[in-house]
């Protein structure tokens, strides 16, 4: 899911929980106050109109590859320091499997979902990052 509203951590966790799973791993990507040695005051994320489809495909691919329950949600719009930009979760019978699956889906989302980030620095300059 792509959302302009704050993300629902409880819903992401609930989407992966199950009786067969002994581990649930959650990733919380949070807006930090610095990048590359520069002070950051805020970010804005913009998404391609098909970004939700790309995100769902990443989740489905990792679920199919691993056989584990996977869920993720990314926020777009104007975010402040401390806001959550990405929640991802994986549930599996054992912790190592859940950690591995969660890392896979986060990396896949980062590389394949068309969401672009513009950082606003304390000095008044802003720039697009990772284009």
C-alpha atoms as a PDB file:
ATOM      1  CA  UNK A   1       0.000   0.000   0.000  1.00  0.00           C
ATOM      2  CA  UNK A   2       1.092   3.548  -0.768  1.00  0.00           C
ATOM      3  CA  UNK A   3      -0.364   6.148   1.583  1.00  0.00           C
ATOM      4  CA  UNK A   4      -0.310   9.890   2.143  1.00  0.00           C
ATOM      5  CA  UNK A   5      -1.425   9.266   5.739  1.00  0.00           C
ATOM      6  CA  UNK A   6       0.715   7.919   8.579  1.00  0.00           C
ATOM      7  CA  UNK A   7       1.299   4.195   8.193  1.00  0.00           C
ATOM      8  CA  UNK A   8      -0.444   1.616  10.363  1.00  0.00           C
ATOM      9  CA  UNK A   9       2.168  -0.584  12.051  1.00  0.00           C
ATOM     10  CA  UNK A  10      -0.491  -2.773  13.674  1.00  0.00           C
ATOM     11  CA  UNK A  11      -2.110  -3.552  10.310  1.00  0.00           C
ATOM     12  CA  UNK A  12       1.226  -4.505   8.741  1.00  0.00           C
ATOM     13  CA  UNK A  13       2.023  -6.857  11.607  1.00  0.00           C
ATOM     14  CA  UNK A  14      -1.476  -8.346  11.571  1.00  0.00           C
ATOM     15  CA  UNK A  15      -1.127  -9.045   7.841  1.00  0.00           C
ATOM     16  CA  UNK A  16       1.730 -11.493   8.473  1.00  0.00           C
ATOM     17  CA  UNK A  17       0.915 -13.105  11.811  1.00  0.00           C
ATOM     18  CA  UNK A  18      -0.163 -16.725  11.870  1.00  0.00           C
ATOM     19  CA  UNK A  19      -0.106 -19.807  14.076  1.00  0.00           C
ATOM     20  CA  UNK A  20       2.696 -21.456  12.081  1.00  0.00           C
ATOM     21  CA  UNK A  21       5.030 -18.489  12.515  1.00  0.00           C
ATOM     22  CA  UNK A  22       7.449 -18.376  15.418  1.00  0.00           C
ATOM     23  CA  UNK A  23       8.977 -15.067  14.342  1.00  0.00           C
ATOM     24  CA  UNK A  24       7.684 -11.766  13.066  1.00  0.00           C
ATOM     25  CA  UNK A  25      10.305  -9.241  11.952  1.00  0.00           C
ATOM     26  CA  UNK A  26       9.298  -5.624  11.376  1.00  0.00           C
ATOM     27  CA  UNK A  27      11.331  -2.982   9.573  1.00  0.00           C
ATOM     28  CA  UNK A  28      10.555   0.650  10.279  1.00  0.00           C
ATOM     29  CA  UNK A  29      12.215   3.166   7.937  1.00  0.00           C
ATOM     30  CA  UNK A  30      12.282   6.503   9.750  1.00  0.00           C
ATOM     31  CA  UNK A  31      13.147   9.979   8.444  1.00  0.00           C
ATOM     32  CA  UNK A  32      16.450  10.982  10.044  1.00  0.00           C
ATOM     33  CA  UNK A  33      17.935  14.427  10.622  1.00  0.00           C
ATOM     34  CA  UNK A  34      21.067  14.005   8.495  1.00  0.00           C
ATOM     35  CA  UNK A  35      22.393  12.512   5.281  1.00  0.00           C
ATOM     36  CA  UNK A  36      25.859  12.599   3.798  1.00  0.00           C
ATOM     37  CA  UNK A  37      27.138  14.900   6.526  1.00  0.00           C
ATOM     38  CA  UNK A  38      24.368  17.463   5.977  1.00  0.00           C
ATOM     39  CA  UNK A  39      21.556  18.382   8.343  1.00  0.00           C
ATOM     40  CA  UNK A  40      18.120  17.429   6.964  1.00  0.00           C
ATOM     41  CA  UNK A  41      14.961  19.229   8.094  1.00  0.00           C
ATOM     42  CA  UNK A  42      12.338  17.261   6.101  1.00  0.00           C
ATOM     43  CA  UNK A  43      11.680  15.023   3.102  1.00  0.00           C
ATOM     44  CA  UNK A  44       9.049  14.676   0.506  1.00  0.00           C
ATOM     45  CA  UNK A  45       8.321  11.474  -1.333  1.00  0.00           C
ATOM     46  CA  UNK A  46       6.583  11.397  -4.693  1.00  0.00           C
ATOM     47  CA  UNK A  47       5.297   8.218  -6.305  1.00  0.00           C
ATOM     48  CA  UNK A  48       4.577   7.114  -9.840  1.00  0.00           C
ATOM     49  CA  UNK A  49       0.830   6.426 -10.333  1.00  0.00           C
ATOM     50  CA  UNK A  50       1.626   2.684 -10.584  1.00  0.00           C
ATOM     51  CA  UNK A  51       3.820   2.605  -7.451  1.00  0.00           C
ATOM     52  CA  UNK A  52       1.262   0.596  -5.451  1.00  0.00           C
ATOM     53  CA  UNK A  53       1.317  -2.116  -8.112  1.00  0.00           C
ATOM     54  CA  UNK A  54       5.123  -2.237  -8.027  1.00  0.00           C
ATOM     55  CA  UNK A  55       5.076  -2.464  -4.214  1.00  0.00           C
ATOM     56  CA  UNK A  56       2.501  -5.273  -4.274  1.00  0.00           C
ATOM     57  CA  UNK A  57       4.617  -7.109  -6.848  1.00  0.00           C
ATOM     58  CA  UNK A  58       7.717  -6.868  -4.611  1.00  0.00           C
ATOM     59  CA  UNK A  59       5.752  -8.276  -1.672  1.00  0.00           C
ATOM     60  CA  UNK A  60       4.298 -11.090  -3.794  1.00  0.00           C
ATOM     61  CA  UNK A  61       7.677 -12.010  -5.278  1.00  0.00           C
ATOM     62  CA  UNK A  62       9.389 -12.333  -1.898  1.00  0.00           C
ATOM     63  CA  UNK A  63       6.421 -14.262  -0.497  1.00  0.00           C
ATOM     64  CA  UNK A  64       6.532 -16.653  -3.473  1.00  0.00           C
ATOM     65  CA  UNK A  65      10.307 -17.047  -3.264  1.00  0.00           C
ATOM     66  CA  UNK A  66      10.406 -17.679   0.473  1.00  0.00           C
ATOM     67  CA  UNK A  67       6.988 -19.175   1.179  1.00  0.00           C
ATOM     68  CA  UNK A  68       6.604 -16.772   4.121  1.00  0.00           C
ATOM     69  CA  UNK A  69       4.064 -14.086   4.936  1.00  0.00           C
ATOM     70  CA  UNK A  70       5.225 -10.629   3.774  1.00  0.00           C
ATOM     71  CA  UNK A  71       3.603  -7.184   3.991  1.00  0.00           C
ATOM     72  CA  UNK A  72       4.746  -3.618   3.341  1.00  0.00           C
ATOM     73  CA  UNK A  73       3.468  -0.075   3.136  1.00  0.00           C
ATOM     74  CA  UNK A  74       5.223   3.118   1.985  1.00  0.00           C
ATOM     75  CA  UNK A  75       4.266   6.673   2.775  1.00  0.00           C
ATOM     76  CA  UNK A  76       4.399   9.548   0.307  1.00  0.00           C
ATOM     77  CA  UNK A  77       3.994  13.294   0.689  1.00  0.00           C
ATOM     78  CA  UNK A  78       5.705  15.652   3.101  1.00  0.00           C
ATOM     79  CA  UNK A  79       7.425  13.906   6.006  1.00  0.00           C
ATOM     80  CA  UNK A  80       9.183  15.351   9.027  1.00  0.00           C
ATOM     81  CA  UNK A  81      12.064  14.039  11.094  1.00  0.00           C
ATOM     82  CA  UNK A  82      10.883  10.955  12.994  1.00  0.00           C
ATOM     83  CA  UNK A  83       8.036  10.121  10.593  1.00  0.00           C
ATOM     84  CA  UNK A  84       7.845   6.543   9.317  1.00  0.00           C
ATOM     85  CA  UNK A  85       8.363   6.285   5.559  1.00  0.00           C
ATOM     86  CA  UNK A  86       8.270   2.490   5.236  1.00  0.00           C
ATOM     87  CA  UNK A  87       6.934  -0.422   7.253  1.00  0.00           C
ATOM     88  CA  UNK A  88       7.767  -3.937   6.114  1.00  0.00           C
ATOM     89  CA  UNK A  89       7.129  -7.222   7.898  1.00  0.00           C
ATOM     90  CA  UNK A  90       7.928 -10.867   7.403  1.00  0.00           C
ATOM     91  CA  UNK A  91       6.734 -13.838   9.418  1.00  0.00           C
ATOM     92  CA  UNK A  92       8.308 -17.284   9.293  1.00  0.00           C
ATOM     93  CA  UNK A  93       8.720 -20.363  11.464  1.00  0.00           C
ATOM     94  CA  UNK A  94      12.145 -19.179  12.683  1.00  0.00           C
ATOM     95  CA  UNK A  95      13.804 -15.787  13.270  1.00  0.00           C
ATOM     96  CA  UNK A  96      16.648 -16.136  10.744  1.00  0.00           C
ATOM     97  CA  UNK A  97      14.120 -16.851   7.988  1.00  0.00           C
ATOM     98  CA  UNK A  98      11.968 -13.878   8.985  1.00  0.00           C
ATOM     99  CA  UNK A  99      14.973 -11.510   9.156  1.00  0.00           C
ATOM    100  CA  UNK A 100      16.170 -12.662   5.736  1.00  0.00           C
ATOM    101  CA  UNK A 101      12.743 -12.318   4.113  1.00  0.00           C
ATOM    102  CA  UNK A 102      12.196  -8.859   5.611  1.00  0.00           C
ATOM    103  CA  UNK A 103      15.575  -7.659   4.348  1.00  0.00           C
ATOM    104  CA  UNK A 104      14.813  -9.051   0.872  1.00  0.00           C
ATOM    105  CA  UNK A 105      11.521  -7.215   0.578  1.00  0.00           C
ATOM    106  CA  UNK A 106      12.983  -3.912   1.857  1.00  0.00           C
ATOM    107  CA  UNK A 107      15.856  -4.073  -0.653  1.00  0.00           C
ATOM    108  CA  UNK A 108      13.509  -4.987  -3.487  1.00  0.00           C
ATOM    109  CA  UNK A 109      11.175  -2.095  -2.632  1.00  0.00           C
ATOM    110  CA  UNK A 110      14.091   0.332  -2.474  1.00  0.00           C
ATOM    111  CA  UNK A 111      15.359  -0.704  -5.912  1.00  0.00           C
ATOM    112  CA  UNK A 112      12.147  -1.350  -7.842  1.00  0.00           C
ATOM    113  CA  UNK A 113       9.283   0.792  -6.553  1.00  0.00           C
ATOM    114  CA  UNK A 114       9.128   4.163  -8.368  1.00  0.00           C
ATOM    115  CA  UNK A 115       9.100   6.475  -5.351  1.00  0.00           C
ATOM    116  CA  UNK A 116      11.398   9.482  -5.384  1.00  0.00           C
ATOM    117  CA  UNK A 117      12.778  11.346  -2.378  1.00  0.00           C
ATOM    118  CA  UNK A 118      13.592  15.048  -2.136  1.00  0.00           C
ATOM    119  CA  UNK A 119      15.542  16.114   0.916  1.00  0.00           C
ATOM    120  CA  UNK A 120      15.239  19.596   2.366  1.00  0.00           C
ATOM    121  CA  UNK A 121      18.386  20.644   4.178  1.00  0.00           C
ATOM    122  CA  UNK A 122      18.755  23.072   7.070  1.00  0.00           C
ATOM    123  CA  UNK A 123      20.656  25.511   4.820  1.00  0.00           C
ATOM    124  CA  UNK A 124      17.545  25.960   2.640  1.00  0.00           C
ATOM    125  CA  UNK A 125      18.790  23.828  -0.266  1.00  0.00           C
ATOM    126  CA  UNK A 126      16.771  20.845  -1.448  1.00  0.00           C
ATOM    127  CA  UNK A 127      17.710  18.040  -3.794  1.00  0.00           C
ATOM    128  CA  UNK A 128      16.319  14.831  -5.229  1.00  0.00           C
ATOM    129  CA  UNK A 129      18.163  11.804  -3.877  1.00  0.00           C
ATOM    130  CA  UNK A 130      18.825   8.480  -5.574  1.00  0.00           C
ATOM    131  CA  UNK A 131      17.404   9.281  -8.982  1.00  0.00           C
END
